[in-house]
């Protein structure tokens, strides 16, 4: 994995490359998104930053939204246990 960034910068975007995946990370916020190309990763990062900053549309009915995107809400297993890396 390689990184392209200026260590003195506190803002901007850094790119991480791993196999066929490019990850773009906003240095200031830490928000990151990935894609198959640098352009795709930047587009996904732009969307992620918009949501991170409170943009986007609220989801009124979570189950209805999941069905709209092709996920059966009845098949989702919920587990409130924090991931291992947070323990």
C-alpha atoms as a PDB file:
ATOM      1  CA  UNK A   1       0.000   0.000   0.000  1.00  0.00           C
ATOM      2  CA  UNK A   2       1.336   3.448  -0.890  1.00  0.00           C
ATOM      3  CA  UNK A   3       0.422   6.942   0.193  1.00  0.00           C
ATOM      4  CA  UNK A   4       0.663  10.288  -1.571  1.00  0.00           C
ATOM      5  CA  UNK A   5       0.579  13.239   0.836  1.00  0.00           C
ATOM      6  CA  UNK A   6       2.662  16.104   2.195  1.00  0.00           C
ATOM      7  CA  UNK A   7       3.337  15.371   5.883  1.00  0.00           C
ATOM      8  CA  UNK A   8       3.045  19.089   6.726  1.00  0.00           C
ATOM      9  CA  UNK A   9      -0.454  19.477   5.290  1.00  0.00           C
ATOM     10  CA  UNK A  10      -3.426  19.475   7.655  1.00  0.00           C
ATOM     11  CA  UNK A  11      -5.944  19.639   4.833  1.00  0.00           C
ATOM     12  CA  UNK A  12      -6.292  18.095   1.426  1.00  0.00           C
ATOM     13  CA  UNK A  13      -6.749  14.537   0.256  1.00  0.00           C
ATOM     14  CA  UNK A  14      -4.429  11.572   0.521  1.00  0.00           C
ATOM     15  CA  UNK A  15      -4.669   8.520  -1.700  1.00  0.00           C
ATOM     16  CA  UNK A  16      -4.024   4.972  -0.565  1.00  0.00           C
ATOM     17  CA  UNK A  17      -3.511   2.262  -3.181  1.00  0.00           C
ATOM     18  CA  UNK A  18      -4.140  -1.399  -2.481  1.00  0.00           C
ATOM     19  CA  UNK A  19      -4.492  -3.963  -5.275  1.00  0.00           C
ATOM     20  CA  UNK A  20      -7.408  -2.778  -7.473  1.00  0.00           C
ATOM     21  CA  UNK A  21      -8.735  -0.264  -4.938  1.00  0.00           C
ATOM     22  CA  UNK A  22      -8.002   3.432  -4.496  1.00  0.00           C
ATOM     23  CA  UNK A  23      -9.004   5.098  -1.237  1.00  0.00           C
ATOM     24  CA  UNK A  24      -9.289   8.881  -0.983  1.00  0.00           C
ATOM     25  CA  UNK A  25      -9.154  10.273   2.563  1.00  0.00           C
ATOM     26  CA  UNK A  26      -9.907  13.845   3.569  1.00  0.00           C
ATOM     27  CA  UNK A  27      -7.022  14.690   5.892  1.00  0.00           C
ATOM     28  CA  UNK A  28      -8.888  17.293   7.956  1.00  0.00           C
ATOM     29  CA  UNK A  29     -11.983  15.191   8.783  1.00  0.00           C
ATOM     30  CA  UNK A  30     -10.591  11.674   8.384  1.00  0.00           C
ATOM     31  CA  UNK A  31     -13.550  10.732   6.156  1.00  0.00           C
ATOM     32  CA  UNK A  32     -12.562   8.194   3.498  1.00  0.00           C
ATOM     33  CA  UNK A  33     -14.126   6.503   0.483  1.00  0.00           C
ATOM     34  CA  UNK A  34     -12.901   3.978  -2.062  1.00  0.00           C
ATOM     35  CA  UNK A  35     -13.322   3.257  -5.737  1.00  0.00           C
ATOM     36  CA  UNK A  36     -11.719   1.406  -8.607  1.00  0.00           C
ATOM     37  CA  UNK A  37     -10.086   4.603  -9.888  1.00  0.00           C
ATOM     38  CA  UNK A  38      -8.810   7.838  -8.382  1.00  0.00           C
ATOM     39  CA  UNK A  39     -11.756   9.718  -9.945  1.00  0.00           C
ATOM     40  CA  UNK A  40     -14.282   7.210  -8.572  1.00  0.00           C
ATOM     41  CA  UNK A  41     -12.741   7.434  -5.094  1.00  0.00           C
ATOM     42  CA  UNK A  42     -12.911  11.246  -5.208  1.00  0.00           C
ATOM     43  CA  UNK A  43     -16.576  11.153  -6.303  1.00  0.00           C
ATOM     44  CA  UNK A  44     -17.412   8.777  -3.454  1.00  0.00           C
ATOM     45  CA  UNK A  45     -15.439  10.969  -1.040  1.00  0.00           C
ATOM     46  CA  UNK A  46     -17.422  14.036  -2.131  1.00  0.00           C
ATOM     47  CA  UNK A  47     -20.672  12.189  -1.313  1.00  0.00           C
ATOM     48  CA  UNK A  48     -19.291  10.942   2.006  1.00  0.00           C
ATOM     49  CA  UNK A  49     -18.187  14.459   3.007  1.00  0.00           C
ATOM     50  CA  UNK A  50     -21.633  15.853   2.155  1.00  0.00           C
ATOM     51  CA  UNK A  51     -23.239  13.275   4.442  1.00  0.00           C
ATOM     52  CA  UNK A  52     -20.589  13.781   7.131  1.00  0.00           C
ATOM     53  CA  UNK A  53     -21.386  17.491   7.167  1.00  0.00           C
ATOM     54  CA  UNK A  54     -25.129  16.876   7.604  1.00  0.00           C
ATOM     55  CA  UNK A  55     -26.241  16.950   3.973  1.00  0.00           C
ATOM     56  CA  UNK A  56     -28.427  14.442   2.217  1.00  0.00           C
ATOM     57  CA  UNK A  57     -32.018  13.466   2.772  1.00  0.00           C
ATOM     58  CA  UNK A  58     -33.278  11.941   6.025  1.00  0.00           C
ATOM     59  CA  UNK A  59     -34.597   8.374   5.923  1.00  0.00           C
ATOM     60  CA  UNK A  60     -38.096   8.333   7.390  1.00  0.00           C
ATOM     61  CA  UNK A  61     -38.721   4.576   7.207  1.00  0.00           C
ATOM     62  CA  UNK A  62     -35.541   2.503   7.411  1.00  0.00           C
ATOM     63  CA  UNK A  63     -37.221  -0.784   6.417  1.00  0.00           C
ATOM     64  CA  UNK A  64     -38.828   0.816   3.345  1.00  0.00           C
ATOM     65  CA  UNK A  65     -35.488   2.310   2.319  1.00  0.00           C
ATOM     66  CA  UNK A  66     -33.754  -1.057   2.650  1.00  0.00           C
ATOM     67  CA  UNK A  67     -36.409  -2.700   0.463  1.00  0.00           C
ATOM     68  CA  UNK A  68     -35.960   0.058  -2.161  1.00  0.00           C
ATOM     69  CA  UNK A  69     -32.255  -0.752  -2.451  1.00  0.00           C
ATOM     70  CA  UNK A  70     -32.912  -4.497  -2.620  1.00  0.00           C
ATOM     71  CA  UNK A  71     -32.242  -5.559   0.971  1.00  0.00           C
ATOM     72  CA  UNK A  72     -34.760  -7.607   2.938  1.00  0.00           C
ATOM     73  CA  UNK A  73     -34.865  -5.987   6.411  1.00  0.00           C
ATOM     74  CA  UNK A  74     -36.073  -9.279   7.922  1.00  0.00           C
ATOM     75  CA  UNK A  75     -32.787 -10.956   6.950  1.00  0.00           C
ATOM     76  CA  UNK A  76     -30.571  -8.410   8.694  1.00  0.00           C
ATOM     77  CA  UNK A  77     -29.049  -9.625  11.913  1.00  0.00           C
ATOM     78  CA  UNK A  78     -28.605  -6.937  14.540  1.00  0.00           C
ATOM     79  CA  UNK A  79     -25.800  -7.069  17.039  1.00  0.00           C
ATOM     80  CA  UNK A  80     -25.193  -4.137  19.362  1.00  0.00           C
ATOM     81  CA  UNK A  81     -21.797  -5.474  20.411  1.00  0.00           C
ATOM     82  CA  UNK A  82     -19.057  -3.002  19.444  1.00  0.00           C
ATOM     83  CA  UNK A  83     -16.509  -4.227  16.904  1.00  0.00           C
ATOM     84  CA  UNK A  84     -13.365  -5.795  18.317  1.00  0.00           C
ATOM     85  CA  UNK A  85     -11.208  -2.833  17.351  1.00  0.00           C
ATOM     86  CA  UNK A  86     -13.280  -0.607  19.670  1.00  0.00           C
ATOM     87  CA  UNK A  87     -12.913  -2.867  22.690  1.00  0.00           C
END
